[in-house]
């Protein structure tokens, strides 16, 4: 009897051990890193994979994978693959399958978005300042009707700050040339003097905008002469001031200041086509700025089309007014589309 019990326990132990080994094999995890390249390619990298023979990649815009745009298979001796045939700035899903002798060992579905062309450029402004900027676009969508959208950041922030709204990605998809630059003394734009002194000479920042327009005249990309602007805080003042330019249709200004906007004007102060945003509770007592009042006042100076919106019970400032608010972001994009 005792021998029978020992035999049964031994069988159970072996069965459990085998099951655990099988589970370990089935739950083995492989790490794949996905990196979009340019407008139409994606690179996928992975570490050494043992006990497997091939890896199959299937890419589609739908997780059902009924009409894949890319299907490719590679030997596991490799550690990287570059896949082509994608559309720019498009959301994709990729199914990765690891096989051995025709048996599926592991699979995973990941999401990624194909990229667009991104150029980093530098050009001179006044007072020997150098401006650092990025040009973002889809080359196949640029044409003689394409507008240029220029993004202007807040004081002591950088050209990447508008990224939290995803407005740029939306406009790139629609065929805009998007330009974001760092004002002198911000981001990657150097400045020899004290940055804080720019608050006393805010028109210097408008000159950085003018330098950007001059640079764009040298860029050989097909587009129209029409420009729209997005500005936050002191960048909103620049946006308001330059909306007087003939080829600037207007734009969006979050937390603009009337006094600074007026002082930046190059000639008569007659803004046009501007949509002003401000937080109802946003106040800078040290500087004496009441952004709600300034938005309303600036709107009264602005030529049609014009609009303002005061966000209730909000002390959000600059781009922060739009952050996470899909309805407001969409209204800003709608405004730009219809200028």
C-alpha atoms as a PDB file:
ATOM      1  CA  UNK A   1       0.000   0.000   0.000  1.00  0.00           C
ATOM      2  CA  UNK A   2       2.769   2.402   0.969  1.00  0.00           C
ATOM      3  CA  UNK A   3       4.608   1.711  -2.298  1.00  0.00           C
ATOM      4  CA  UNK A   4       1.417   2.495  -4.239  1.00  0.00           C
ATOM      5  CA  UNK A   5       1.006   5.824  -2.432  1.00  0.00           C
ATOM      6  CA  UNK A   6       4.644   6.731  -3.079  1.00  0.00           C
ATOM      7  CA  UNK A   7       4.217   5.845  -6.766  1.00  0.00           C
ATOM      8  CA  UNK A   8       1.096   8.039  -7.063  1.00  0.00           C
ATOM      9  CA  UNK A   9       2.833  10.968  -5.351  1.00  0.00           C
ATOM     10  CA  UNK A  10       5.834  10.580  -7.661  1.00  0.00           C
ATOM     11  CA  UNK A  11       3.581  10.624 -10.740  1.00  0.00           C
ATOM     12  CA  UNK A  12       1.802  13.730  -9.448  1.00  0.00           C
ATOM     13  CA  UNK A  13       5.136  15.471  -8.760  1.00  0.00           C
ATOM     14  CA  UNK A  14       6.424  14.726 -12.265  1.00  0.00           C
ATOM     15  CA  UNK A  15       3.118  15.900 -13.816  1.00  0.00           C
ATOM     16  CA  UNK A  16       3.193  19.172 -11.880  1.00  0.00           C
ATOM     17  CA  UNK A  17       6.841  19.792 -12.789  1.00  0.00           C
ATOM     18  CA  UNK A  18       6.106  19.145 -16.451  1.00  0.00           C
ATOM     19  CA  UNK A  19       3.106  21.488 -16.344  1.00  0.00           C
ATOM     20  CA  UNK A  20       5.202  24.224 -14.762  1.00  0.00           C
ATOM     21  CA  UNK A  21       7.890  23.830 -17.421  1.00  0.00           C
ATOM     22  CA  UNK A  22       5.216  24.049 -20.094  1.00  0.00           C
ATOM     23  CA  UNK A  23       3.670  27.151 -18.521  1.00  0.00           C
ATOM     24  CA  UNK A  24       7.104  28.776 -18.317  1.00  0.00           C
ATOM     25  CA  UNK A  25       7.606  28.090 -22.006  1.00  0.00           C
ATOM     26  CA  UNK A  26       4.150  29.429 -22.939  1.00  0.00           C
ATOM     27  CA  UNK A  27       4.518  32.568 -20.856  1.00  0.00           C
ATOM     28  CA  UNK A  28       7.994  33.427 -22.083  1.00  0.00           C
ATOM     29  CA  UNK A  29       8.161  37.151 -22.787  1.00  0.00           C
ATOM     30  CA  UNK A  30      10.060  38.744 -25.649  1.00  0.00           C
ATOM     31  CA  UNK A  31      10.754  42.475 -25.794  1.00  0.00           C
ATOM     32  CA  UNK A  32      10.339  44.312 -29.088  1.00  0.00           C
ATOM     33  CA  UNK A  33      11.071  48.023 -29.492  1.00  0.00           C
ATOM     34  CA  UNK A  34       9.203  49.909 -32.209  1.00  0.00           C
ATOM     35  CA  UNK A  35      10.692  53.094 -33.707  1.00  0.00           C
ATOM     36  CA  UNK A  36       8.960  54.876 -36.617  1.00  0.00           C
ATOM     37  CA  UNK A  37      11.434  56.155 -39.225  1.00  0.00           C
ATOM     38  CA  UNK A  38      10.687  59.048 -41.542  1.00  0.00           C
ATOM     39  CA  UNK A  39       7.272  59.071 -43.145  1.00  0.00           C
ATOM     40  CA  UNK A  40       6.863  55.510 -44.469  1.00  0.00           C
ATOM     41  CA  UNK A  41       9.095  53.166 -42.427  1.00  0.00           C
ATOM     42  CA  UNK A  42       9.223  51.560 -39.003  1.00  0.00           C
ATOM     43  CA  UNK A  43      12.205  49.874 -37.335  1.00  0.00           C
ATOM     44  CA  UNK A  44      11.610  46.989 -34.912  1.00  0.00           C
ATOM     45  CA  UNK A  45      14.449  45.819 -32.667  1.00  0.00           C
ATOM     46  CA  UNK A  46      14.722  42.951 -30.190  1.00  0.00           C
ATOM     47  CA  UNK A  47      17.240  41.118 -28.043  1.00  0.00           C
ATOM     48  CA  UNK A  48      18.564  37.642 -28.841  1.00  0.00           C
ATOM     49  CA  UNK A  49      15.754  35.080 -29.072  1.00  0.00           C
ATOM     50  CA  UNK A  50      16.733  31.482 -28.334  1.00  0.00           C
ATOM     51  CA  UNK A  51      14.679  28.340 -28.928  1.00  0.00           C
ATOM     52  CA  UNK A  52      12.863  29.923 -31.903  1.00  0.00           C
ATOM     53  CA  UNK A  53      13.385  30.088 -35.644  1.00  0.00           C
ATOM     54  CA  UNK A  54      11.336  32.858 -37.236  1.00  0.00           C
ATOM     55  CA  UNK A  55       9.509  36.065 -36.366  1.00  0.00           C
ATOM     56  CA  UNK A  56       6.522  37.203 -38.417  1.00  0.00           C
ATOM     57  CA  UNK A  57       5.321  40.837 -38.532  1.00  0.00           C
ATOM     58  CA  UNK A  58       1.871  41.868 -39.724  1.00  0.00           C
ATOM     59  CA  UNK A  59       0.930  45.564 -39.833  1.00  0.00           C
ATOM     60  CA  UNK A  60      -2.557  46.961 -40.370  1.00  0.00           C
ATOM     61  CA  UNK A  61      -4.675  49.941 -39.358  1.00  0.00           C
ATOM     62  CA  UNK A  62      -7.172  47.560 -37.746  1.00  0.00           C
ATOM     63  CA  UNK A  63      -6.522  44.925 -35.088  1.00  0.00           C
ATOM     64  CA  UNK A  64      -8.528  42.389 -37.107  1.00  0.00           C
ATOM     65  CA  UNK A  65      -5.650  42.310 -39.650  1.00  0.00           C
ATOM     66  CA  UNK A  66      -8.046  41.632 -42.524  1.00  0.00           C
ATOM     67  CA  UNK A  67      -6.201  43.887 -44.992  1.00  0.00           C
ATOM     68  CA  UNK A  68      -2.591  44.103 -43.816  1.00  0.00           C
ATOM     69  CA  UNK A  69      -0.387  46.745 -45.391  1.00  0.00           C
ATOM     70  CA  UNK A  70       2.815  44.889 -44.475  1.00  0.00           C
ATOM     71  CA  UNK A  71       3.553  41.187 -43.907  1.00  0.00           C
ATOM     72  CA  UNK A  72       7.154  40.131 -43.349  1.00  0.00           C
ATOM     73  CA  UNK A  73       9.066  37.226 -41.829  1.00  0.00           C
ATOM     74  CA  UNK A  74      12.649  37.109 -40.625  1.00  0.00           C
ATOM     75  CA  UNK A  75      15.046  34.602 -39.088  1.00  0.00           C
ATOM     76  CA  UNK A  76      15.687  34.986 -35.356  1.00  0.00           C
ATOM     77  CA  UNK A  77      19.411  35.223 -36.041  1.00  0.00           C
ATOM     78  CA  UNK A  78      18.676  38.895 -36.764  1.00  0.00           C
ATOM     79  CA  UNK A  79      17.994  41.510 -34.116  1.00  0.00           C
ATOM     80  CA  UNK A  80      16.332  44.193 -36.206  1.00  0.00           C
ATOM     81  CA  UNK A  81      14.086  44.733 -39.204  1.00  0.00           C
ATOM     82  CA  UNK A  82      12.970  47.837 -41.126  1.00  0.00           C
ATOM     83  CA  UNK A  83       9.525  47.629 -42.695  1.00  0.00           C
ATOM     84  CA  UNK A  84       8.326  49.941 -45.476  1.00  0.00           C
ATOM     85  CA  UNK A  85       5.060  50.835 -47.183  1.00  0.00           C
ATOM     86  CA  UNK A  86       3.360  52.901 -44.452  1.00  0.00           C
ATOM     87  CA  UNK A  87       1.334  56.083 -44.788  1.00  0.00           C
ATOM     88  CA  UNK A  88       2.698  59.109 -42.885  1.00  0.00           C
ATOM     89  CA  UNK A  89       1.195  60.127 -39.523  1.00  0.00           C
ATOM     90  CA  UNK A  90      -1.140  57.119 -39.382  1.00  0.00           C
ATOM     91  CA  UNK A  91      -2.119  54.945 -36.408  1.00  0.00           C
ATOM     92  CA  UNK A  92      -1.104  51.303 -36.892  1.00  0.00           C
ATOM     93  CA  UNK A  93      -1.162  47.988 -35.036  1.00  0.00           C
ATOM     94  CA  UNK A  94       1.547  45.376 -35.504  1.00  0.00           C
ATOM     95  CA  UNK A  95       1.165  41.684 -34.668  1.00  0.00           C
ATOM     96  CA  UNK A  96       4.458  40.012 -33.783  1.00  0.00           C
ATOM     97  CA  UNK A  97       4.564  36.197 -33.842  1.00  0.00           C
ATOM     98  CA  UNK A  98       7.510  34.040 -32.749  1.00  0.00           C
ATOM     99  CA  UNK A  99       7.569  30.544 -34.327  1.00  0.00           C
ATOM    100  CA  UNK A 100       9.546  27.343 -34.008  1.00  0.00           C
ATOM    101  CA  UNK A 101       9.105  24.529 -36.539  1.00  0.00           C
ATOM    102  CA  UNK A 102       5.729  25.953 -37.543  1.00  0.00           C
ATOM    103  CA  UNK A 103       4.517  26.116 -33.945  1.00  0.00           C
ATOM    104  CA  UNK A 104       3.546  29.499 -32.488  1.00  0.00           C
ATOM    105  CA  UNK A 105       5.546  30.071 -29.314  1.00  0.00           C
ATOM    106  CA  UNK A 106       4.480  33.623 -28.519  1.00  0.00           C
ATOM    107  CA  UNK A 107       2.605  36.566 -30.023  1.00  0.00           C
ATOM    108  CA  UNK A 108       1.866  40.175 -29.149  1.00  0.00           C
ATOM    109  CA  UNK A 109      -0.027  43.114 -30.673  1.00  0.00           C
ATOM    110  CA  UNK A 110       1.424  46.605 -30.294  1.00  0.00           C
ATOM    111  CA  UNK A 111       0.271  50.044 -31.411  1.00  0.00           C
ATOM    112  CA  UNK A 112       2.369  52.778 -33.007  1.00  0.00           C
ATOM    113  CA  UNK A 113       1.964  55.887 -35.164  1.00  0.00           C
ATOM    114  CA  UNK A 114       4.030  56.418 -38.270  1.00  0.00           C
ATOM    115  CA  UNK A 115       6.069  59.602 -38.321  1.00  0.00           C
ATOM    116  CA  UNK A 116       6.519  62.698 -40.466  1.00  0.00           C
ATOM    117  CA  UNK A 117       9.529  64.627 -41.709  1.00  0.00           C
ATOM    118  CA  UNK A 118      11.196  66.606 -38.926  1.00  0.00           C
ATOM    119  CA  UNK A 119      14.006  69.049 -39.681  1.00  0.00           C
ATOM    120  CA  UNK A 120      16.018  70.925 -37.053  1.00  0.00           C
ATOM    121  CA  UNK A 121      17.238  74.256 -38.403  1.00  0.00           C
ATOM    122  CA  UNK A 122      19.090  77.332 -37.135  1.00  0.00           C
ATOM    123  CA  UNK A 123      19.110  80.872 -38.485  1.00  0.00           C
ATOM    124  CA  UNK A 124      20.093  84.379 -37.327  1.00  0.00           C
ATOM    125  CA  UNK A 125      17.884  86.943 -35.643  1.00  0.00           C
ATOM    126  CA  UNK A 126      18.735  90.471 -34.483  1.00  0.00           C
ATOM    127  CA  UNK A 127      21.508  91.352 -31.995  1.00  0.00           C
ATOM    128  CA  UNK A 128      23.548  88.346 -33.217  1.00  0.00           C
ATOM    129  CA  UNK A 129      20.986  85.953 -31.716  1.00  0.00           C
ATOM    130  CA  UNK A 130      20.608  82.493 -33.244  1.00  0.00           C
ATOM    131  CA  UNK A 131      17.205  80.848 -33.412  1.00  0.00           C
ATOM    132  CA  UNK A 132      16.694  77.078 -33.219  1.00  0.00           C
ATOM    133  CA  UNK A 133      13.541  75.688 -34.825  1.00  0.00           C
ATOM    134  CA  UNK A 134      11.894  72.530 -36.136  1.00  0.00           C
ATOM    135  CA  UNK A 135      10.038  72.140 -39.402  1.00  0.00           C
ATOM    136  CA  UNK A 136       7.468  69.347 -39.391  1.00  0.00           C
ATOM    137  CA  UNK A 137       5.512  68.167 -42.427  1.00  0.00           C
ATOM    138  CA  UNK A 138       4.437  65.322 -44.673  1.00  0.00           C
ATOM    139  CA  UNK A 139       6.263  65.835 -47.948  1.00  0.00           C
ATOM    140  CA  UNK A 140       3.578  64.181 -50.077  1.00  0.00           C
ATOM    141  CA  UNK A 141       0.866  66.465 -48.667  1.00  0.00           C
ATOM    142  CA  UNK A 142       2.574  69.803 -49.211  1.00  0.00           C
ATOM    143  CA  UNK A 143       1.201  71.714 -52.192  1.00  0.00           C
ATOM    144  CA  UNK A 144       0.517  75.250 -53.381  1.00  0.00           C
ATOM    145  CA  UNK A 145      -2.457  75.478 -50.996  1.00  0.00           C
ATOM    146  CA  UNK A 146      -0.605  74.319 -47.872  1.00  0.00           C
ATOM    147  CA  UNK A 147      -0.562  76.788 -45.004  1.00  0.00           C
ATOM    148  CA  UNK A 148       2.256  77.336 -42.528  1.00  0.00           C
ATOM    149  CA  UNK A 149       1.415  77.139 -38.811  1.00  0.00           C
ATOM    150  CA  UNK A 150       3.923  78.783 -36.449  1.00  0.00           C
ATOM    151  CA  UNK A 151       3.904  77.874 -32.739  1.00  0.00           C
ATOM    152  CA  UNK A 152       5.083  80.413 -30.133  1.00  0.00           C
ATOM    153  CA  UNK A 153       5.818  79.354 -26.561  1.00  0.00           C
ATOM    154  CA  UNK A 154       5.574  80.958 -23.120  1.00  0.00           C
ATOM    155  CA  UNK A 155       8.347  82.811 -21.338  1.00  0.00           C
ATOM    156  CA  UNK A 156      10.910  80.401 -19.815  1.00  0.00           C
ATOM    157  CA  UNK A 157       9.482  77.441 -21.736  1.00  0.00           C
ATOM    158  CA  UNK A 158      10.387  75.978 -25.128  1.00  0.00           C
ATOM    159  CA  UNK A 159       9.059  75.113 -28.572  1.00  0.00           C
ATOM    160  CA  UNK A 160       7.903  71.682 -27.375  1.00  0.00           C
ATOM    161  CA  UNK A 161       5.291  73.112 -24.994  1.00  0.00           C
ATOM    162  CA  UNK A 162       2.474  73.077 -27.555  1.00  0.00           C
ATOM    163  CA  UNK A 163       2.963  69.308 -27.912  1.00  0.00           C
ATOM    164  CA  UNK A 164       0.545  68.566 -25.061  1.00  0.00           C
ATOM    165  CA  UNK A 165      -2.355  69.705 -27.262  1.00  0.00           C
ATOM    166  CA  UNK A 166      -1.538  67.459 -30.283  1.00  0.00           C
ATOM    167  CA  UNK A 167      -2.652  70.379 -32.475  1.00  0.00           C
ATOM    168  CA  UNK A 168       0.553  70.176 -34.473  1.00  0.00           C
ATOM    169  CA  UNK A 169       0.067  66.483 -35.317  1.00  0.00           C
ATOM    170  CA  UNK A 170      -3.489  67.185 -36.475  1.00  0.00           C
ATOM    171  CA  UNK A 171      -2.375  70.003 -38.773  1.00  0.00           C
ATOM    172  CA  UNK A 172       0.516  67.955 -40.170  1.00  0.00           C
ATOM    173  CA  UNK A 173      -1.995  65.267 -41.139  1.00  0.00           C
ATOM    174  CA  UNK A 174      -4.004  67.941 -42.939  1.00  0.00           C
ATOM    175  CA  UNK A 175      -1.047  69.095 -45.015  1.00  0.00           C
ATOM    176  CA  UNK A 176       0.285  72.047 -43.022  1.00  0.00           C
ATOM    177  CA  UNK A 177       3.940  72.962 -42.687  1.00  0.00           C
ATOM    178  CA  UNK A 178       4.330  73.323 -38.914  1.00  0.00           C
ATOM    179  CA  UNK A 179       7.124  75.479 -37.494  1.00  0.00           C
ATOM    180  CA  UNK A 180       8.032  75.661 -33.816  1.00  0.00           C
ATOM    181  CA  UNK A 181      10.957  77.795 -32.689  1.00  0.00           C
ATOM    182  CA  UNK A 182      12.629  78.750 -29.431  1.00  0.00           C
ATOM    183  CA  UNK A 183      12.762  82.441 -28.651  1.00  0.00           C
ATOM    184  CA  UNK A 184      16.264  83.760 -27.947  1.00  0.00           C
ATOM    185  CA  UNK A 185      17.465  82.555 -24.557  1.00  0.00           C
ATOM    186  CA  UNK A 186      15.008  79.642 -24.500  1.00  0.00           C
ATOM    187  CA  UNK A 187      15.342  75.970 -25.403  1.00  0.00           C
ATOM    188  CA  UNK A 188      18.178  75.513 -27.886  1.00  0.00           C
ATOM    189  CA  UNK A 189      18.346  79.198 -28.911  1.00  0.00           C
ATOM    190  CA  UNK A 190      21.327  80.790 -27.130  1.00  0.00           C
ATOM    191  CA  UNK A 191      21.381  84.350 -25.803  1.00  0.00           C
ATOM    192  CA  UNK A 192      24.304  86.311 -24.400  1.00  0.00           C
ATOM    193  CA  UNK A 193      22.292  88.720 -22.229  1.00  0.00           C
ATOM    194  CA  UNK A 194      20.009  88.261 -19.228  1.00  0.00           C
ATOM    195  CA  UNK A 195      16.850  86.483 -20.388  1.00  0.00           C
ATOM    196  CA  UNK A 196      14.720  88.259 -17.774  1.00  0.00           C
ATOM    197  CA  UNK A 197      15.543  91.596 -19.397  1.00  0.00           C
ATOM    198  CA  UNK A 198      13.443  90.481 -22.373  1.00  0.00           C
ATOM    199  CA  UNK A 199      10.396  91.343 -20.280  1.00  0.00           C
ATOM    200  CA  UNK A 200      11.487  94.969 -20.667  1.00  0.00           C
ATOM    201  CA  UNK A 201      12.050  94.614 -24.430  1.00  0.00           C
ATOM    202  CA  UNK A 202       9.364  92.104 -25.538  1.00  0.00           C
ATOM    203  CA  UNK A 203       9.556  93.377 -29.131  1.00  0.00           C
ATOM    204  CA  UNK A 204      12.841  91.450 -29.381  1.00  0.00           C
ATOM    205  CA  UNK A 205      10.724  88.285 -29.438  1.00  0.00           C
ATOM    206  CA  UNK A 206       8.659  89.641 -32.302  1.00  0.00           C
ATOM    207  CA  UNK A 207      11.943  90.156 -34.150  1.00  0.00           C
ATOM    208  CA  UNK A 208      12.643  86.432 -33.646  1.00  0.00           C
ATOM    209  CA  UNK A 209       9.315  85.775 -35.372  1.00  0.00           C
ATOM    210  CA  UNK A 210      10.312  88.112 -38.216  1.00  0.00           C
ATOM    211  CA  UNK A 211      13.618  86.243 -38.530  1.00  0.00           C
ATOM    212  CA  UNK A 212      11.630  83.025 -38.834  1.00  0.00           C
ATOM    213  CA  UNK A 213       9.596  84.462 -41.705  1.00  0.00           C
ATOM    214  CA  UNK A 214      12.820  85.531 -43.426  1.00  0.00           C
ATOM    215  CA  UNK A 215      14.263  82.052 -43.016  1.00  0.00           C
ATOM    216  CA  UNK A 216      11.142  80.389 -44.405  1.00  0.00           C
ATOM    217  CA  UNK A 217      11.576  82.410 -47.586  1.00  0.00           C
ATOM    218  CA  UNK A 218      14.752  80.386 -48.194  1.00  0.00           C
ATOM    219  CA  UNK A 219      13.129  76.977 -47.632  1.00  0.00           C
ATOM    220  CA  UNK A 220      12.328  75.096 -50.837  1.00  0.00           C
ATOM    221  CA  UNK A 221       9.089  73.451 -49.791  1.00  0.00           C
ATOM    222  CA  UNK A 222       5.911  73.839 -51.807  1.00  0.00           C
ATOM    223  CA  UNK A 223       3.319  75.822 -49.858  1.00  0.00           C
ATOM    224  CA  UNK A 224       1.137  78.936 -50.003  1.00  0.00           C
ATOM    225  CA  UNK A 225       1.929  82.344 -48.504  1.00  0.00           C
ATOM    226  CA  UNK A 226      -0.801  81.944 -45.859  1.00  0.00           C
ATOM    227  CA  UNK A 227       0.366  81.758 -42.236  1.00  0.00           C
ATOM    228  CA  UNK A 228      -1.513  81.012 -39.011  1.00  0.00           C
ATOM    229  CA  UNK A 229      -0.094  81.434 -35.517  1.00  0.00           C
ATOM    230  CA  UNK A 230      -0.484  79.744 -32.134  1.00  0.00           C
ATOM    231  CA  UNK A 231       0.842  81.686 -29.155  1.00  0.00           C
ATOM    232  CA  UNK A 232       0.913  81.116 -25.401  1.00  0.00           C
ATOM    233  CA  UNK A 233       1.406  83.928 -22.835  1.00  0.00           C
ATOM    234  CA  UNK A 234       4.226  86.136 -24.115  1.00  0.00           C
ATOM    235  CA  UNK A 235       4.096  84.052 -27.302  1.00  0.00           C
ATOM    236  CA  UNK A 236       0.397  84.945 -27.504  1.00  0.00           C
ATOM    237  CA  UNK A 237       1.396  88.603 -27.464  1.00  0.00           C
ATOM    238  CA  UNK A 238       3.719  87.991 -30.414  1.00  0.00           C
ATOM    239  CA  UNK A 239       0.933  86.090 -32.206  1.00  0.00           C
ATOM    240  CA  UNK A 240      -1.489  88.965 -31.639  1.00  0.00           C
ATOM    241  CA  UNK A 241       1.001  91.589 -32.816  1.00  0.00           C
ATOM    242  CA  UNK A 242       1.992  89.749 -36.006  1.00  0.00           C
ATOM    243  CA  UNK A 243      -1.609  89.004 -36.964  1.00  0.00           C
ATOM    244  CA  UNK A 244      -1.450  92.510 -38.468  1.00  0.00           C
ATOM    245  CA  UNK A 245       0.956  91.183 -41.135  1.00  0.00           C
ATOM    246  CA  UNK A 246      -0.586  90.854 -44.568  1.00  0.00           C
ATOM    247  CA  UNK A 247       0.135  87.147 -45.011  1.00  0.00           C
ATOM    248  CA  UNK A 248      -0.844  86.176 -41.430  1.00  0.00           C
ATOM    249  CA  UNK A 249      -4.515  85.189 -41.455  1.00  0.00           C
ATOM    250  CA  UNK A 250      -4.819  85.122 -37.659  1.00  0.00           C
ATOM    251  CA  UNK A 251      -4.562  82.441 -35.029  1.00  0.00           C
ATOM    252  CA  UNK A 252      -4.973  81.365 -31.431  1.00  0.00           C
ATOM    253  CA  UNK A 253      -3.691  83.292 -28.401  1.00  0.00           C
ATOM    254  CA  UNK A 254      -3.843  81.847 -24.886  1.00  0.00           C
ATOM    255  CA  UNK A 255      -3.213  84.264 -21.974  1.00  0.00           C
ATOM    256  CA  UNK A 256      -2.202  87.254 -24.088  1.00  0.00           C
ATOM    257  CA  UNK A 257      -1.360  90.590 -22.451  1.00  0.00           C
ATOM    258  CA  UNK A 258      -2.731  93.743 -24.025  1.00  0.00           C
ATOM    259  CA  UNK A 259       0.191  95.991 -23.016  1.00  0.00           C
ATOM    260  CA  UNK A 260       2.863  93.642 -24.381  1.00  0.00           C
ATOM    261  CA  UNK A 261       0.889  92.877 -27.544  1.00  0.00           C
ATOM    262  CA  UNK A 262       0.593  96.594 -28.263  1.00  0.00           C
ATOM    263  CA  UNK A 263       4.283  97.248 -27.572  1.00  0.00           C
ATOM    264  CA  UNK A 264       5.316  94.472 -29.992  1.00  0.00           C
ATOM    265  CA  UNK A 265       3.339  95.854 -32.918  1.00  0.00           C
ATOM    266  CA  UNK A 266       5.446  96.851 -35.892  1.00  0.00           C
ATOM    267  CA  UNK A 267       3.388  99.809 -37.040  1.00  0.00           C
ATOM    268  CA  UNK A 268      -0.320 100.276 -36.308  1.00  0.00           C
ATOM    269  CA  UNK A 269      -1.925  97.908 -33.814  1.00  0.00           C
ATOM    270  CA  UNK A 270      -4.797  96.246 -35.660  1.00  0.00           C
ATOM    271  CA  UNK A 271      -4.964  92.492 -34.903  1.00  0.00           C
ATOM    272  CA  UNK A 272      -7.165  90.308 -37.086  1.00  0.00           C
ATOM    273  CA  UNK A 273      -8.493  86.762 -37.120  1.00  0.00           C
ATOM    274  CA  UNK A 274      -7.601  86.018 -33.489  1.00  0.00           C
ATOM    275  CA  UNK A 275      -9.245  83.608 -31.051  1.00  0.00           C
ATOM    276  CA  UNK A 276      -8.316  84.586 -27.465  1.00  0.00           C
ATOM    277  CA  UNK A 277      -8.374  82.163 -24.525  1.00  0.00           C
ATOM    278  CA  UNK A 278      -7.938  83.044 -20.834  1.00  0.00           C
ATOM    279  CA  UNK A 279      -8.570  81.508 -17.438  1.00  0.00           C
ATOM    280  CA  UNK A 280     -11.167  83.332 -15.358  1.00  0.00           C
ATOM    281  CA  UNK A 281      -8.953  83.186 -12.260  1.00  0.00           C
ATOM    282  CA  UNK A 282      -5.590  83.637 -13.973  1.00  0.00           C
ATOM    283  CA  UNK A 283      -3.884  86.690 -12.469  1.00  0.00           C
ATOM    284  CA  UNK A 284      -0.237  87.773 -12.182  1.00  0.00           C
ATOM    285  CA  UNK A 285      -0.365  90.265  -9.352  1.00  0.00           C
ATOM    286  CA  UNK A 286       3.390  90.939  -9.451  1.00  0.00           C
ATOM    287  CA  UNK A 287       3.127  92.229 -13.017  1.00  0.00           C
ATOM    288  CA  UNK A 288      -0.423  93.525 -12.685  1.00  0.00           C
ATOM    289  CA  UNK A 289      -1.808  91.231 -15.402  1.00  0.00           C
ATOM    290  CA  UNK A 290      -5.458  90.141 -15.406  1.00  0.00           C
ATOM    291  CA  UNK A 291      -5.642  87.790 -18.342  1.00  0.00           C
ATOM    292  CA  UNK A 292      -9.444  87.609 -18.524  1.00  0.00           C
ATOM    293  CA  UNK A 293      -9.686  91.383 -18.877  1.00  0.00           C
ATOM    294  CA  UNK A 294      -6.883  91.460 -21.448  1.00  0.00           C
ATOM    295  CA  UNK A 295      -8.535  88.780 -23.596  1.00  0.00           C
ATOM    296  CA  UNK A 296     -11.783  90.750 -23.679  1.00  0.00           C
ATOM    297  CA  UNK A 297      -9.990  94.035 -24.343  1.00  0.00           C
ATOM    298  CA  UNK A 298      -7.811  92.602 -27.114  1.00  0.00           C
ATOM    299  CA  UNK A 299     -10.875  91.115 -28.762  1.00  0.00           C
ATOM    300  CA  UNK A 300     -12.451  94.582 -28.877  1.00  0.00           C
ATOM    301  CA  UNK A 301      -9.416  95.846 -30.846  1.00  0.00           C
ATOM    302  CA  UNK A 302      -9.364  92.876 -33.221  1.00  0.00           C
ATOM    303  CA  UNK A 303     -10.863  92.918 -36.701  1.00  0.00           C
ATOM    304  CA  UNK A 304     -13.304  90.220 -37.763  1.00  0.00           C
ATOM    305  CA  UNK A 305     -13.184  87.330 -37.622  1.00  0.00           C
ATOM    306  CA  UNK A 306     -12.551  87.359 -33.874  1.00  0.00           C
ATOM    307  CA  UNK A 307     -13.567  85.435 -30.793  1.00  0.00           C
ATOM    308  CA  UNK A 308     -12.697  85.009 -27.133  1.00  0.00           C
ATOM    309  CA  UNK A 309     -13.381  82.376 -24.506  1.00  0.00           C
ATOM    310  CA  UNK A 310     -12.922  82.696 -20.743  1.00  0.00           C
ATOM    311  CA  UNK A 311     -12.528  79.316 -19.030  1.00  0.00           C
ATOM    312  CA  UNK A 312     -14.732  79.400 -15.914  1.00  0.00           C
ATOM    313  CA  UNK A 313     -13.192  78.918 -12.469  1.00  0.00           C
ATOM    314  CA  UNK A 314      -9.785  78.241 -14.008  1.00  0.00           C
ATOM    315  CA  UNK A 315      -6.410  79.715 -13.152  1.00  0.00           C
ATOM    316  CA  UNK A 316      -4.743  77.754 -15.980  1.00  0.00           C
ATOM    317  CA  UNK A 317      -2.235  79.742 -17.971  1.00  0.00           C
ATOM    318  CA  UNK A 318      -0.979  79.608 -21.551  1.00  0.00           C
ATOM    319  CA  UNK A 319      -1.141  76.189 -23.189  1.00  0.00           C
ATOM    320  CA  UNK A 320      -2.412  74.847 -19.860  1.00  0.00           C
ATOM    321  CA  UNK A 321      -5.848  76.285 -20.682  1.00  0.00           C
ATOM    322  CA  UNK A 322      -6.174  73.774 -23.527  1.00  0.00           C
ATOM    323  CA  UNK A 323      -4.372  70.833 -21.908  1.00  0.00           C
ATOM    324  CA  UNK A 324      -6.656  67.815 -21.628  1.00  0.00           C
ATOM    325  CA  UNK A 325      -9.690  69.767 -22.870  1.00  0.00           C
ATOM    326  CA  UNK A 326     -10.615  68.069 -26.136  1.00  0.00           C
ATOM    327  CA  UNK A 327     -13.543  70.389 -26.768  1.00  0.00           C
ATOM    328  CA  UNK A 328     -11.398  73.533 -26.526  1.00  0.00           C
ATOM    329  CA  UNK A 329      -8.594  72.005 -28.592  1.00  0.00           C
ATOM    330  CA  UNK A 330     -11.066  71.078 -31.315  1.00  0.00           C
ATOM    331  CA  UNK A 331     -12.550  74.580 -31.252  1.00  0.00           C
ATOM    332  CA  UNK A 332      -9.052  76.054 -31.723  1.00  0.00           C
ATOM    333  CA  UNK A 333      -8.372  73.744 -34.680  1.00  0.00           C
ATOM    334  CA  UNK A 334     -11.790  74.534 -36.163  1.00  0.00           C
ATOM    335  CA  UNK A 335     -11.020  78.243 -35.881  1.00  0.00           C
ATOM    336  CA  UNK A 336      -7.745  77.842 -37.783  1.00  0.00           C
ATOM    337  CA  UNK A 337      -9.328  75.705 -40.507  1.00  0.00           C
ATOM    338  CA  UNK A 338     -11.931  78.356 -41.198  1.00  0.00           C
ATOM    339  CA  UNK A 339      -9.736  81.433 -41.335  1.00  0.00           C
END
